[in-house]
Amino acid sequence: MKDETIDIKNHQCRMISNKGKGVPIVFLHGYMFTSDVWNEIGILRILEQRNIPFRAIDMPYGKISECSPRTSMPEKNIEILASVAGKDPVIVGASLGGYIALKYSIAHRVRGLLLAAPVMSLQAELIRRYEHFDAEVSIVYGDADNIVSAAEMKKLSELFRTELKIYKGASHPAYLDYPEQFIDDVLQLYAAACGR
């Protein structure tokens, strides 16, 4: 596992990565987090042990991320994601990271998306594109979330024709409350998307 600062599109961003073999998983943290959150729940170590490639990058939209200069402009964040994503990745996006993953995947091919309570997911420009989406999609939601509504996530799961995985009593970053379940959900999605 490598932890480094890389230059991308006039930004210097920290990235934790593993070369591995096969389709990469790209992790996008939420607004109040950094790529460290994926290490904290233990998923990066498990992927490393299984020789699955990943890239967990501190994004410019993050309030405390190690990426400068910061910007909340979706287009700039998507450019940075495109620079590290590789060909047809699986993307795991939490909250604002889920929104960036959705915006990216309506313009670029992905094999799979695991969305953890993505914000702004029912924007009209996004909804119009969901019916043409052909990747594996999994949506995770904590039913004690006070940022994204259950109705919004139910609607999103219907649009993608996928099950909404509800973590009982979990908050907005549901993966912190149920790390083992979240890791299982990521591995299941990866297996379904990549046959591994």
N, C-alpha and C. Protein backbone atom coordinates (compact mmCIF):
# COMPACT_ATOMS: atom_id res chain seq x y z
N MET A 1 0.85 -1.18 0.00
CA MET A 1 0.00 0.00 0.00
C MET A 1 0.89 1.24 0.00
N LYS A 2 0.57 2.16 -0.89
CA LYS A 2 1.38 3.37 -1.02
C LYS A 2 0.56 4.58 -0.56
N ASP A 3 1.16 5.48 0.19
CA ASP A 3 0.53 6.71 0.67
C ASP A 3 1.40 7.86 0.21
N GLU A 4 0.89 8.68 -0.71
CA GLU A 4 1.73 9.72 -1.33
C GLU A 4 0.88 10.93 -1.70
N THR A 5 1.57 12.02 -2.00
CA THR A 5 0.92 13.21 -2.55
C THR A 5 1.23 13.25 -4.03
N ILE A 6 0.18 13.36 -4.84
CA ILE A 6 0.37 13.36 -6.29
C ILE A 6 -0.11 14.68 -6.89
N ASP A 7 0.46 15.03 -8.02
CA ASP A 7 0.04 16.22 -8.76
C ASP A 7 -0.99 15.80 -9.80
N ILE A 8 -2.17 16.40 -9.72
CA ILE A 8 -3.21 16.11 -10.70
C ILE A 8 -3.92 17.40 -11.07
N LYS A 9 -3.91 17.74 -12.33
CA LYS A 9 -4.67 18.89 -12.83
C LYS A 9 -4.47 20.14 -11.97
N ASN A 10 -3.21 20.46 -11.70
CA ASN A 10 -2.85 21.65 -10.90
C ASN A 10 -3.31 21.57 -9.44
N HIS A 11 -3.52 20.37 -8.96
CA HIS A 11 -3.83 20.14 -7.55
C HIS A 11 -2.80 19.18 -7.00
N GLN A 12 -2.51 19.31 -5.71
CA GLN A 12 -1.67 18.35 -5.01
C GLN A 12 -2.58 17.63 -4.02
N CYS A 13 -2.78 16.34 -4.26
CA CYS A 13 -3.73 15.57 -3.46
C CYS A 13 -3.09 14.30 -2.93
N ARG A 14 -3.41 14.00 -1.71
CA ARG A 14 -2.93 12.75 -1.10
C ARG A 14 -3.73 11.58 -1.66
N MET A 15 -3.03 10.48 -1.92
CA MET A 15 -3.71 9.28 -2.39
C MET A 15 -3.09 8.05 -1.74
N ILE A 16 -3.96 7.16 -1.26
CA ILE A 16 -3.54 5.86 -0.75
C ILE A 16 -3.92 4.86 -1.84
N SER A 17 -2.96 4.05 -2.27
CA SER A 17 -3.26 3.17 -3.39
C SER A 17 -2.58 1.81 -3.24
N ASN A 18 -3.09 0.88 -4.01
CA ASN A 18 -2.53 -0.47 -4.09
C ASN A 18 -2.59 -0.88 -5.54
N LYS A 19 -1.45 -1.34 -6.06
CA LYS A 19 -1.40 -1.71 -7.48
C LYS A 19 -2.32 -2.87 -7.79
N GLY A 20 -2.19 -3.95 -7.08
CA GLY A 20 -3.08 -5.09 -7.23
C GLY A 20 -3.21 -5.58 -8.65
N LYS A 21 -4.24 -6.39 -8.87
CA LYS A 21 -4.47 -6.95 -10.20
C LYS A 21 -5.96 -6.92 -10.50
N GLY A 22 -6.31 -6.38 -11.66
CA GLY A 22 -7.71 -6.32 -12.06
C GLY A 22 -8.26 -4.92 -12.09
N VAL A 23 -9.57 -4.83 -11.96
CA VAL A 23 -10.29 -3.56 -12.03
C VAL A 23 -10.08 -2.80 -10.73
N PRO A 24 -9.71 -1.50 -10.81
CA PRO A 24 -9.51 -0.74 -9.57
C PRO A 24 -10.81 -0.29 -8.92
N ILE A 25 -10.76 -0.18 -7.60
CA ILE A 25 -11.84 0.45 -6.84
C ILE A 25 -11.35 1.84 -6.46
N VAL A 26 -12.13 2.87 -6.79
CA VAL A 26 -11.78 4.24 -6.42
C VAL A 26 -12.71 4.65 -5.28
N PHE A 27 -12.12 5.14 -4.19
CA PHE A 27 -12.88 5.55 -3.01
C PHE A 27 -12.95 7.08 -2.93
N LEU A 28 -14.17 7.59 -2.79
CA LEU A 28 -14.40 9.03 -2.65
C LEU A 28 -15.06 9.30 -1.31
N HIS A 29 -14.34 9.98 -0.44
CA HIS A 29 -14.82 10.29 0.91
C HIS A 29 -15.91 11.37 0.89
N GLY A 30 -16.55 11.55 2.04
CA GLY A 30 -17.53 12.62 2.21
C GLY A 30 -16.87 13.95 2.53
N TYR A 31 -17.67 14.98 2.60
CA TYR A 31 -17.18 16.35 2.79
C TYR A 31 -16.34 16.53 4.06
N MET A 32 -16.74 15.87 5.14
CA MET A 32 -16.07 16.05 6.44
C MET A 32 -14.97 15.02 6.71
N PHE A 33 -14.58 14.26 5.68
CA PHE A 33 -13.62 13.18 5.87
C PHE A 33 -12.43 13.30 4.91
N THR A 34 -11.48 12.40 5.09
CA THR A 34 -10.35 12.27 4.18
C THR A 34 -10.27 10.80 3.77
N SER A 35 -9.31 10.46 2.94
CA SER A 35 -9.15 9.06 2.54
C SER A 35 -8.78 8.17 3.72
N ASP A 36 -8.36 8.76 4.83
CA ASP A 36 -8.06 7.98 6.04
C ASP A 36 -9.26 7.18 6.53
N VAL A 37 -10.48 7.66 6.24
CA VAL A 37 -11.67 6.99 6.75
C VAL A 37 -11.74 5.54 6.25
N TRP A 38 -11.24 5.30 5.03
CA TRP A 38 -11.29 3.95 4.47
C TRP A 38 -10.27 3.03 5.17
N ASN A 39 -9.17 3.62 5.59
CA ASN A 39 -8.20 2.86 6.40
C ASN A 39 -8.77 2.55 7.77
N GLU A 40 -9.46 3.54 8.35
CA GLU A 40 -10.01 3.38 9.70
C GLU A 40 -11.00 2.23 9.78
N ILE A 41 -11.79 2.02 8.74
CA ILE A 41 -12.77 0.93 8.81
C ILE A 41 -12.17 -0.41 8.36
N GLY A 42 -10.92 -0.37 7.87
CA GLY A 42 -10.21 -1.61 7.57
C GLY A 42 -10.34 -2.16 6.16
N ILE A 43 -11.07 -1.44 5.30
CA ILE A 43 -11.31 -2.00 3.97
C ILE A 43 -10.07 -2.02 3.09
N LEU A 44 -9.19 -1.02 3.23
CA LEU A 44 -8.02 -0.97 2.35
C LEU A 44 -7.08 -2.14 2.62
N ARG A 45 -6.91 -2.50 3.88
CA ARG A 45 -6.04 -3.62 4.24
C ARG A 45 -6.59 -4.93 3.66
N ILE A 46 -7.90 -5.11 3.73
CA ILE A 46 -8.52 -6.32 3.19
C ILE A 46 -8.34 -6.39 1.67
N LEU A 47 -8.52 -5.26 1.00
CA LEU A 47 -8.32 -5.24 -0.46
C LEU A 47 -6.86 -5.53 -0.81
N GLU A 48 -5.95 -4.98 -0.03
CA GLU A 48 -4.53 -5.23 -0.26
C GLU A 48 -4.23 -6.73 -0.11
N GLN A 49 -4.78 -7.34 0.93
CA GLN A 49 -4.57 -8.78 1.16
C GLN A 49 -5.11 -9.62 0.01
N ARG A 50 -6.17 -9.14 -0.63
CA ARG A 50 -6.78 -9.88 -1.74
C ARG A 50 -6.20 -9.47 -3.10
N ASN A 51 -5.20 -8.58 -3.07
CA ASN A 51 -4.54 -8.12 -4.28
C ASN A 51 -5.49 -7.40 -5.23
N ILE A 52 -6.47 -6.69 -4.67
CA ILE A 52 -7.43 -5.90 -5.46
C ILE A 52 -6.90 -4.46 -5.53
N PRO A 53 -6.76 -3.91 -6.72
CA PRO A 53 -6.23 -2.55 -6.82
C PRO A 53 -7.24 -1.51 -6.32
N PHE A 54 -6.72 -0.48 -5.67
CA PHE A 54 -7.60 0.61 -5.22
C PHE A 54 -6.86 1.93 -5.23
N ARG A 55 -7.65 3.00 -5.24
CA ARG A 55 -7.14 4.37 -5.11
C ARG A 55 -8.11 5.13 -4.22
N ALA A 56 -7.62 5.54 -3.07
CA ALA A 56 -8.43 6.35 -2.15
C ALA A 56 -7.78 7.73 -2.14
N ILE A 57 -8.48 8.69 -2.72
CA ILE A 57 -7.87 10.01 -2.91
C ILE A 57 -8.57 11.08 -2.08
N ASP A 58 -7.77 11.97 -1.52
CA ASP A 58 -8.31 13.15 -0.86
C ASP A 58 -8.76 14.11 -1.96
N MET A 59 -10.03 14.44 -1.98
CA MET A 59 -10.59 15.24 -3.05
C MET A 59 -10.65 16.73 -2.68
N PRO A 60 -10.60 17.61 -3.70
CA PRO A 60 -10.61 19.05 -3.44
C PRO A 60 -11.87 19.56 -2.76
N TYR A 61 -12.98 18.81 -2.84
CA TYR A 61 -14.22 19.27 -2.21
C TYR A 61 -14.20 19.11 -0.69
N GLY A 62 -13.28 18.33 -0.14
CA GLY A 62 -13.31 18.01 1.28
C GLY A 62 -12.91 19.18 2.17
N LYS A 63 -13.61 19.33 3.27
CA LYS A 63 -13.33 20.42 4.21
C LYS A 63 -11.96 20.27 4.86
N ILE A 64 -11.56 19.01 5.14
CA ILE A 64 -10.27 18.79 5.81
C ILE A 64 -9.32 17.93 4.97
N SER A 65 -9.68 17.71 3.71
CA SER A 65 -8.86 16.82 2.89
C SER A 65 -7.48 17.42 2.61
N GLU A 66 -6.53 16.52 2.41
CA GLU A 66 -5.16 16.94 2.07
C GLU A 66 -5.06 17.06 0.55
N CYS A 67 -5.70 18.09 0.05
CA CYS A 67 -5.69 18.37 -1.38
C CYS A 67 -5.80 19.88 -1.54
N SER A 68 -4.88 20.45 -2.29
CA SER A 68 -4.93 21.90 -2.48
C SER A 68 -4.60 22.24 -3.94
N PRO A 69 -5.17 23.32 -4.45
CA PRO A 69 -6.20 24.15 -3.79
C PRO A 69 -7.53 23.42 -3.71
N ARG A 70 -8.36 23.88 -2.78
CA ARG A 70 -9.68 23.28 -2.62
C ARG A 70 -10.66 23.91 -3.61
N THR A 71 -11.62 23.12 -4.04
CA THR A 71 -12.69 23.65 -4.87
C THR A 71 -13.92 22.76 -4.72
N SER A 72 -15.09 23.38 -4.69
CA SER A 72 -16.33 22.61 -4.61
C SER A 72 -16.95 22.43 -6.00
N MET A 73 -16.31 22.98 -7.04
CA MET A 73 -16.86 22.87 -8.39
C MET A 73 -16.88 21.40 -8.84
N PRO A 74 -18.07 20.85 -9.12
CA PRO A 74 -18.15 19.45 -9.51
C PRO A 74 -17.26 19.12 -10.72
N GLU A 75 -17.22 20.00 -11.70
CA GLU A 75 -16.45 19.72 -12.92
C GLU A 75 -14.97 19.50 -12.61
N LYS A 76 -14.42 20.31 -11.73
CA LYS A 76 -13.01 20.18 -11.37
C LYS A 76 -12.78 18.87 -10.61
N ASN A 77 -13.68 18.54 -9.71
CA ASN A 77 -13.56 17.29 -8.97
C ASN A 77 -13.69 16.08 -9.89
N ILE A 78 -14.55 16.17 -10.88
CA ILE A 78 -14.72 15.08 -11.84
C ILE A 78 -13.46 14.93 -12.69
N GLU A 79 -12.84 16.03 -13.06
CA GLU A 79 -11.56 15.99 -13.80
C GLU A 79 -10.50 15.23 -13.02
N ILE A 80 -10.43 15.52 -11.73
CA ILE A 80 -9.44 14.85 -10.88
C ILE A 80 -9.76 13.36 -10.76
N LEU A 81 -11.03 13.05 -10.56
CA LEU A 81 -11.44 11.65 -10.51
C LEU A 81 -11.08 10.93 -11.81
N ALA A 82 -11.36 11.56 -12.94
CA ALA A 82 -11.06 10.96 -14.24
C ALA A 82 -9.56 10.67 -14.40
N SER A 83 -8.73 11.51 -13.80
CA SER A 83 -7.28 11.34 -13.91
C SER A 83 -6.75 10.14 -13.14
N VAL A 84 -7.47 9.71 -12.11
CA VAL A 84 -6.99 8.59 -11.29
C VAL A 84 -7.83 7.31 -11.43
N ALA A 85 -8.99 7.41 -12.08
CA ALA A 85 -9.95 6.31 -12.09
C ALA A 85 -9.49 5.09 -12.87
N GLY A 86 -8.72 5.30 -13.94
CA GLY A 86 -8.37 4.17 -14.78
C GLY A 86 -9.55 3.78 -15.66
N LYS A 87 -9.44 2.63 -16.32
CA LYS A 87 -10.48 2.21 -17.27
C LYS A 87 -11.60 1.47 -16.56
N ASP A 88 -12.82 1.95 -16.75
CA ASP A 88 -14.04 1.29 -16.25
C ASP A 88 -13.91 0.84 -14.79
N PRO A 89 -13.71 1.77 -13.86
CA PRO A 89 -13.49 1.39 -12.46
C PRO A 89 -14.79 1.02 -11.74
N VAL A 90 -14.63 0.52 -10.54
CA VAL A 90 -15.71 0.46 -9.57
C VAL A 90 -15.48 1.66 -8.66
N ILE A 91 -16.53 2.42 -8.38
CA ILE A 91 -16.38 3.60 -7.53
C ILE A 91 -17.24 3.44 -6.28
N VAL A 92 -16.62 3.71 -5.14
CA VAL A 92 -17.32 3.76 -3.86
C VAL A 92 -17.36 5.22 -3.45
N GLY A 93 -18.55 5.79 -3.37
CA GLY A 93 -18.68 7.21 -3.04
C GLY A 93 -19.60 7.43 -1.86
N ALA A 94 -19.13 8.19 -0.89
CA ALA A 94 -19.92 8.48 0.31
C ALA A 94 -20.36 9.94 0.30
N SER A 95 -21.66 10.18 0.50
CA SER A 95 -22.21 11.51 0.64
C SER A 95 -21.85 12.40 -0.56
N LEU A 96 -21.06 13.44 -0.36
CA LEU A 96 -20.65 14.29 -1.48
C LEU A 96 -19.82 13.50 -2.49
N GLY A 97 -19.04 12.54 -1.99
CA GLY A 97 -18.29 11.66 -2.88
C GLY A 97 -19.22 10.82 -3.75
N GLY A 98 -20.39 10.46 -3.21
CA GLY A 98 -21.38 9.73 -3.98
C GLY A 98 -21.95 10.58 -5.10
N TYR A 99 -22.16 11.85 -4.81
CA TYR A 99 -22.65 12.78 -5.84
C TYR A 99 -21.63 12.92 -6.97
N ILE A 100 -20.35 13.08 -6.61
CA ILE A 100 -19.29 13.18 -7.63
C ILE A 100 -19.21 11.87 -8.43
N ALA A 101 -19.37 10.74 -7.75
CA ALA A 101 -19.36 9.44 -8.45
C ALA A 101 -20.50 9.35 -9.46
N LEU A 102 -21.68 9.82 -9.06
CA LEU A 102 -22.83 9.81 -9.98
C LEU A 102 -22.58 10.73 -11.17
N LYS A 103 -22.12 11.94 -10.89
CA LYS A 103 -21.84 12.90 -11.98
C LYS A 103 -20.80 12.33 -12.94
N TYR A 104 -19.78 11.68 -12.40
CA TYR A 104 -18.72 11.09 -13.22
C TYR A 104 -19.30 9.96 -14.09
N SER A 105 -20.11 9.11 -13.48
CA SER A 105 -20.54 7.89 -14.15
C SER A 105 -21.63 8.11 -15.19
N ILE A 106 -22.24 9.27 -15.25
CA ILE A 106 -23.17 9.51 -16.35
C ILE A 106 -22.43 9.95 -17.61
N ALA A 107 -21.14 10.29 -17.45
CA ALA A 107 -20.34 10.71 -18.61
C ALA A 107 -19.21 9.72 -18.95
N HIS A 108 -18.86 8.85 -18.01
CA HIS A 108 -17.77 7.89 -18.20
C HIS A 108 -18.26 6.49 -17.82
N ARG A 109 -17.77 5.49 -18.50
CA ARG A 109 -18.19 4.12 -18.19
C ARG A 109 -17.57 3.65 -16.87
N VAL A 110 -18.39 3.04 -16.04
CA VAL A 110 -17.92 2.41 -14.81
C VAL A 110 -18.49 1.00 -14.77
N ARG A 111 -17.82 0.12 -14.03
CA ARG A 111 -18.34 -1.25 -13.88
C ARG A 111 -19.31 -1.35 -12.72
N GLY A 112 -19.07 -0.53 -11.70
CA GLY A 112 -19.94 -0.61 -10.54
C GLY A 112 -19.87 0.65 -9.71
N LEU A 113 -20.95 0.88 -8.96
CA LEU A 113 -21.04 2.03 -8.06
C LEU A 113 -21.60 1.54 -6.74
N LEU A 114 -20.89 1.83 -5.66
CA LEU A 114 -21.48 1.65 -4.34
C LEU A 114 -21.63 3.04 -3.75
N LEU A 115 -22.86 3.42 -3.51
CA LEU A 115 -23.18 4.77 -3.04
C LEU A 115 -23.64 4.71 -1.60
N ALA A 116 -22.94 5.42 -0.73
CA ALA A 116 -23.31 5.49 0.68
C ALA A 116 -23.98 6.84 0.92
N ALA A 117 -25.30 6.83 0.97
CA ALA A 117 -26.10 8.04 1.19
C ALA A 117 -25.61 9.22 0.36
N PRO A 118 -25.62 9.11 -0.98
CA PRO A 118 -25.15 10.21 -1.80
C PRO A 118 -26.08 11.42 -1.69
N VAL A 119 -25.50 12.60 -1.61
CA VAL A 119 -26.30 13.83 -1.57
C VAL A 119 -26.64 14.24 -3.00
N MET A 120 -27.70 15.03 -3.14
CA MET A 120 -28.10 15.64 -4.43
C MET A 120 -28.27 14.62 -5.55
N SER A 121 -28.69 13.41 -5.21
CA SER A 121 -28.74 12.33 -6.20
C SER A 121 -29.98 12.39 -7.09
N LEU A 122 -30.95 13.22 -6.74
CA LEU A 122 -32.19 13.28 -7.53
C LEU A 122 -32.28 14.56 -8.36
N GLN A 123 -31.13 15.11 -8.72
CA GLN A 123 -31.13 16.26 -9.63
C GLN A 123 -31.65 15.81 -10.99
N ALA A 124 -32.41 16.66 -11.64
CA ALA A 124 -33.05 16.30 -12.92
C ALA A 124 -32.04 15.83 -13.96
N GLU A 125 -30.90 16.51 -14.05
CA GLU A 125 -29.91 16.13 -15.08
C GLU A 125 -29.35 14.73 -14.82
N LEU A 126 -29.31 14.31 -13.56
CA LEU A 126 -28.85 12.97 -13.23
C LEU A 126 -29.95 11.94 -13.50
N ILE A 127 -31.14 12.22 -13.03
CA ILE A 127 -32.26 11.27 -13.17
C ILE A 127 -32.47 10.89 -14.63
N ARG A 128 -32.35 11.86 -15.53
CA ARG A 128 -32.54 11.59 -16.97
C ARG A 128 -31.59 10.52 -17.49
N ARG A 129 -30.43 10.40 -16.86
CA ARG A 129 -29.40 9.47 -17.34
C ARG A 129 -29.44 8.10 -16.66
N TYR A 130 -30.12 8.01 -15.53
CA TYR A 130 -30.10 6.76 -14.77
C TYR A 130 -30.68 5.58 -15.56
N GLU A 131 -31.71 5.81 -16.37
CA GLU A 131 -32.33 4.69 -17.07
C GLU A 131 -31.39 4.06 -18.10
N HIS A 132 -30.36 4.78 -18.52
CA HIS A 132 -29.41 4.26 -19.49
C HIS A 132 -28.18 3.64 -18.81
N PHE A 133 -28.21 3.56 -17.51
CA PHE A 133 -27.06 3.10 -16.74
C PHE A 133 -26.99 1.59 -16.77
N ASP A 134 -25.83 1.03 -17.10
CA ASP A 134 -25.74 -0.43 -17.22
C ASP A 134 -24.73 -1.07 -16.27
N ALA A 135 -24.26 -0.34 -15.28
CA ALA A 135 -23.31 -0.89 -14.31
C ALA A 135 -24.05 -1.46 -13.11
N GLU A 136 -23.32 -2.26 -12.32
CA GLU A 136 -23.85 -2.75 -11.04
C GLU A 136 -23.94 -1.57 -10.07
N VAL A 137 -25.05 -1.44 -9.36
CA VAL A 137 -25.22 -0.35 -8.40
C VAL A 137 -25.71 -0.92 -7.08
N SER A 138 -25.10 -0.43 -6.00
CA SER A 138 -25.54 -0.79 -4.66
C SER A 138 -25.65 0.50 -3.85
N ILE A 139 -26.72 0.62 -3.07
CA ILE A 139 -26.94 1.84 -2.28
C ILE A 139 -27.07 1.46 -0.81
N VAL A 140 -26.28 2.14 0.01
CA VAL A 140 -26.23 1.89 1.45
C VAL A 140 -26.76 3.12 2.17
N TYR A 141 -27.58 2.89 3.20
CA TYR A 141 -28.21 4.01 3.90
C TYR A 141 -28.41 3.68 5.37
N GLY A 142 -28.01 4.59 6.24
CA GLY A 142 -28.27 4.44 7.67
C GLY A 142 -29.62 5.06 8.01
N ASP A 143 -30.48 4.32 8.68
CA ASP A 143 -31.83 4.86 8.89
C ASP A 143 -31.91 5.92 9.99
N ALA A 144 -30.75 6.26 10.59
CA ALA A 144 -30.72 7.41 11.51
C ALA A 144 -30.01 8.60 10.84
N ASP A 145 -29.89 8.57 9.52
CA ASP A 145 -29.26 9.64 8.75
C ASP A 145 -30.08 10.92 8.90
N ASN A 146 -29.41 12.02 9.25
CA ASN A 146 -30.13 13.30 9.39
C ASN A 146 -29.74 14.28 8.27
N ILE A 147 -29.10 13.77 7.22
CA ILE A 147 -28.70 14.64 6.10
C ILE A 147 -29.44 14.26 4.82
N VAL A 148 -29.53 12.98 4.55
CA VAL A 148 -30.23 12.49 3.35
C VAL A 148 -31.47 11.73 3.81
N SER A 149 -32.60 11.97 3.14
CA SER A 149 -33.85 11.34 3.59
C SER A 149 -33.99 9.91 3.07
N ALA A 150 -34.74 9.12 3.83
CA ALA A 150 -35.02 7.75 3.43
C ALA A 150 -35.82 7.74 2.12
N ALA A 151 -36.73 8.69 1.97
CA ALA A 151 -37.55 8.77 0.75
C ALA A 151 -36.67 8.99 -0.48
N GLU A 152 -35.67 9.86 -0.32
CA GLU A 152 -34.74 10.13 -1.43
C GLU A 152 -33.98 8.87 -1.82
N MET A 153 -33.48 8.13 -0.82
CA MET A 153 -32.71 6.92 -1.11
C MET A 153 -33.60 5.81 -1.68
N LYS A 154 -34.85 5.74 -1.22
CA LYS A 154 -35.79 4.76 -1.77
C LYS A 154 -36.04 5.06 -3.24
N LYS A 155 -36.26 6.32 -3.55
CA LYS A 155 -36.49 6.74 -4.94
C LYS A 155 -35.27 6.42 -5.81
N LEU A 156 -34.07 6.71 -5.29
CA LEU A 156 -32.84 6.44 -6.04
C LEU A 156 -32.70 4.94 -6.32
N SER A 157 -32.98 4.12 -5.32
CA SER A 157 -32.86 2.67 -5.51
C SER A 157 -33.88 2.18 -6.55
N GLU A 158 -35.07 2.79 -6.57
CA GLU A 158 -36.07 2.43 -7.58
C GLU A 158 -35.60 2.83 -8.98
N LEU A 159 -35.01 4.01 -9.10
CA LEU A 159 -34.52 4.47 -10.40
C LEU A 159 -33.43 3.55 -10.94
N PHE A 160 -32.59 3.05 -10.05
CA PHE A 160 -31.52 2.14 -10.47
C PHE A 160 -31.96 0.67 -10.45
N ARG A 161 -33.20 0.43 -10.01
CA ARG A 161 -33.72 -0.94 -9.91
C ARG A 161 -32.77 -1.83 -9.10
N THR A 162 -32.41 -1.32 -7.94
CA THR A 162 -31.51 -2.06 -7.05
C THR A 162 -32.04 -1.99 -5.62
N GLU A 163 -31.61 -2.93 -4.81
CA GLU A 163 -32.02 -2.97 -3.40
C GLU A 163 -31.38 -1.83 -2.62
N LEU A 164 -32.14 -1.23 -1.73
CA LEU A 164 -31.60 -0.24 -0.80
C LEU A 164 -31.18 -1.01 0.45
N LYS A 165 -29.88 -0.97 0.76
CA LYS A 165 -29.37 -1.70 1.93
C LYS A 165 -29.41 -0.76 3.13
N ILE A 166 -30.30 -1.06 4.05
CA ILE A 166 -30.50 -0.18 5.21
C ILE A 166 -29.73 -0.72 6.40
N TYR A 167 -28.90 0.15 6.99
CA TYR A 167 -28.16 -0.17 8.19
C TYR A 167 -28.94 0.40 9.38
N LYS A 168 -29.52 -0.47 10.17
CA LYS A 168 -30.39 -0.06 11.27
C LYS A 168 -29.64 0.78 12.31
N GLY A 169 -30.20 1.95 12.60
CA GLY A 169 -29.64 2.83 13.63
C GLY A 169 -28.38 3.56 13.24
N ALA A 170 -27.94 3.39 11.98
CA ALA A 170 -26.68 4.02 11.54
C ALA A 170 -26.90 5.47 11.13
N SER A 171 -25.88 6.27 11.33
CA SER A 171 -25.93 7.69 10.99
C SER A 171 -25.58 7.90 9.51
N HIS A 172 -25.40 9.16 9.10
CA HIS A 172 -25.11 9.49 7.70
C HIS A 172 -23.89 8.71 7.18
N PRO A 173 -22.74 8.72 7.88
CA PRO A 173 -21.65 7.84 7.44
C PRO A 173 -21.86 6.43 8.01
N ALA A 174 -22.83 5.71 7.43
CA ALA A 174 -23.27 4.41 7.97
C ALA A 174 -22.13 3.40 8.04
N TYR A 175 -21.13 3.55 7.18
CA TYR A 175 -19.99 2.63 7.15
C TYR A 175 -19.17 2.70 8.43
N LEU A 176 -19.24 3.81 9.17
CA LEU A 176 -18.54 3.91 10.45
C LEU A 176 -19.25 3.10 11.52
N ASP A 177 -20.57 3.02 11.42
CA ASP A 177 -21.36 2.27 12.40
C ASP A 177 -21.36 0.77 12.12
N TYR A 178 -21.24 0.41 10.84
CA TYR A 178 -21.27 -1.00 10.43
C TYR A 178 -20.12 -1.30 9.46
N PRO A 179 -18.87 -1.17 9.92
CA PRO A 179 -17.75 -1.35 8.99
C PRO A 179 -17.70 -2.74 8.36
N GLU A 180 -17.98 -3.78 9.12
CA GLU A 180 -17.90 -5.13 8.56
C GLU A 180 -18.97 -5.36 7.50
N GLN A 181 -20.17 -4.88 7.76
CA GLN A 181 -21.25 -5.00 6.79
C GLN A 181 -20.91 -4.23 5.52
N PHE A 182 -20.35 -3.02 5.70
CA PHE A 182 -19.98 -2.19 4.56
C PHE A 182 -18.91 -2.87 3.71
N ILE A 183 -17.91 -3.44 4.37
CA ILE A 183 -16.84 -4.14 3.64
C ILE A 183 -17.44 -5.29 2.84
N ASP A 184 -18.35 -6.05 3.46
CA ASP A 184 -19.02 -7.15 2.75
C ASP A 184 -19.79 -6.63 1.54
N ASP A 185 -20.47 -5.49 1.71
CA ASP A 185 -21.25 -4.93 0.61
C ASP A 185 -20.35 -4.47 -0.54
N VAL A 186 -19.20 -3.89 -0.20
CA VAL A 186 -18.25 -3.48 -1.25
C VAL A 186 -17.73 -4.72 -1.99
N LEU A 187 -17.35 -5.75 -1.25
CA LEU A 187 -16.81 -6.97 -1.87
C LEU A 187 -17.86 -7.67 -2.73
N GLN A 188 -19.10 -7.67 -2.28
CA GLN A 188 -20.19 -8.26 -3.08
C GLN A 188 -20.39 -7.50 -4.37
N LEU A 189 -20.41 -6.18 -4.28
CA LEU A 189 -20.58 -5.36 -5.48
C LEU A 189 -19.41 -5.59 -6.44
N TYR A 190 -18.21 -5.63 -5.89
CA TYR A 190 -17.02 -5.84 -6.74
C TYR A 190 -17.09 -7.19 -7.44
N ALA A 191 -17.50 -8.22 -6.72
CA ALA A 191 -17.63 -9.55 -7.32
C ALA A 191 -18.68 -9.56 -8.43
N ALA A 192 -19.80 -8.89 -8.18
CA ALA A 192 -20.88 -8.84 -9.18
C ALA A 192 -20.44 -8.05 -10.42
N ALA A 193 -19.68 -6.97 -10.19
CA ALA A 193 -19.27 -6.09 -11.30
C ALA A 193 -18.10 -6.66 -12.08
N CYS A 194 -17.22 -7.39 -11.40
CA CYS A 194 -15.95 -7.81 -12.01
C CYS A 194 -15.76 -9.32 -12.04
N GLY A 195 -16.71 -10.05 -11.50
CA GLY A 195 -16.58 -11.51 -11.49
C GLY A 195 -15.42 -12.01 -10.64
N ARG A 196 -15.17 -11.31 -9.54
CA ARG A 196 -14.04 -11.68 -8.69
C ARG A 196 -14.39 -11.64 -7.21
